[in-house]
Protein backbone atom coordinates (compact mmCIF):
# COMPACT_ATOMS: atom_id res chain seq x y z
CA MET A 1 29.52 -133.33 79.03
CA LYS A 2 32.18 -131.11 77.44
CA LEU A 3 32.14 -127.36 78.00
CA SER A 4 32.02 -126.93 74.20
CA GLU A 5 28.65 -128.80 74.22
CA LEU A 6 27.10 -126.79 77.06
CA PRO A 7 24.13 -124.68 75.90
CA ARG A 8 24.44 -120.94 76.38
CA ARG A 9 23.40 -119.43 79.70
CA ILE A 10 23.19 -122.81 81.49
CA ALA A 11 25.20 -123.09 84.70
CA ALA A 12 27.51 -126.06 85.14
CA THR A 13 30.32 -127.16 87.43
CA VAL A 14 33.81 -128.07 86.26
CA GLU A 15 34.65 -131.75 86.84
CA THR A 16 38.11 -131.93 85.27
CA VAL A 17 40.40 -130.65 82.52
CA GLU A 18 41.61 -133.41 80.21
CA ASP A 19 45.34 -133.68 79.51
CA HIS A 20 46.18 -134.83 75.97
CA SER A 21 49.85 -135.49 76.76
CA PRO A 22 52.23 -135.44 79.70
CA ASN A 23 53.00 -131.86 80.73
CA ASP A 24 50.10 -130.57 78.54
CA THR A 25 50.56 -126.78 78.42
CA ILE A 26 47.00 -126.00 77.30
CA ALA A 27 45.42 -128.09 80.07
CA ARG A 28 47.79 -126.54 82.62
CA ARG A 29 46.91 -123.03 81.42
CA LEU A 30 43.16 -123.75 81.63
CA ARG A 31 43.60 -124.87 85.24
CA GLU A 32 45.67 -121.74 85.98
CA LEU A 33 42.82 -119.60 84.57
CA GLY A 34 40.41 -121.16 87.08
CA PHE A 35 38.96 -124.20 85.32
CA VAL A 36 39.29 -126.38 88.41
CA GLN A 37 37.00 -128.99 89.96
CA GLY A 38 33.93 -127.50 91.59
CA GLU A 39 34.14 -124.07 89.92
CA ARG A 40 30.94 -122.67 88.36
CA VAL A 41 31.13 -122.17 84.60
CA GLU A 42 28.75 -120.84 81.95
CA VAL A 43 28.94 -120.24 78.18
CA MET A 44 27.84 -116.63 77.70
CA ALA A 45 28.06 -116.26 73.90
CA ALA A 46 29.60 -117.66 70.73
CA GLY A 47 31.36 -115.88 67.90
CA PRO A 48 29.69 -115.22 64.55
CA VAL A 49 31.83 -117.50 62.37
CA ALA A 50 31.41 -121.23 63.11
CA ALA A 51 30.47 -120.23 66.68
CA GLU A 52 34.16 -119.48 67.39
CA PRO A 53 35.35 -118.39 69.90
CA LEU A 54 33.19 -119.13 72.93
CA LEU A 55 32.82 -116.47 75.60
CA VAL A 56 33.00 -118.47 78.83
CA GLN A 57 32.57 -117.25 82.39
CA VAL A 58 34.35 -119.16 85.14
CA GLY A 59 33.71 -117.74 88.57
CA PHE A 60 33.47 -113.98 87.98
CA THR A 61 35.93 -113.83 85.07
CA ARG A 62 35.21 -114.16 81.34
CA PHE A 63 37.52 -115.71 78.75
CA ALA A 64 37.38 -116.32 75.02
CA LEU A 65 38.17 -119.98 74.31
CA ARG A 66 38.48 -121.93 71.08
CA ARG A 67 36.03 -124.81 70.85
CA SER A 68 38.98 -127.23 70.91
CA GLU A 69 40.11 -125.75 74.23
CA ALA A 70 36.58 -125.79 75.70
CA ALA A 71 36.26 -129.46 74.64
CA ARG A 72 39.02 -130.34 77.12
CA VAL A 73 36.91 -129.15 80.08
CA ARG A 74 34.45 -131.75 81.44
CA VAL A 75 31.43 -130.23 83.20
CA GLN A 76 28.32 -131.37 85.00
CA LEU A 77 25.04 -129.45 84.94
CA GLN A 78 24.22 -127.76 88.23
CA ALA A 79 21.10 -128.88 90.06
CA GLY A 80 18.11 -126.88 88.89
CA SER A 81 19.64 -126.06 85.46
CA ALA A 82 17.61 -127.03 82.43
CA ALA A 83 19.42 -127.91 79.23
């Protein structure tokens, strides 16, 4: 499942960040921000216009991501989370 598809307030674990090209700067930046395999992630809120941006918490830090950026992050629901 993509992070952009994750329902709000449902915990998931990052599986991978998808690179769209060699030396992909956006994917590299997402990994630098903490979107790495095994990290807990949760969508906290969405913006008022077209649900953009998404407020995403990874670990203990929150970031605003465009849906296109969140779609690069593959996640898996954590055990005990209901979608």
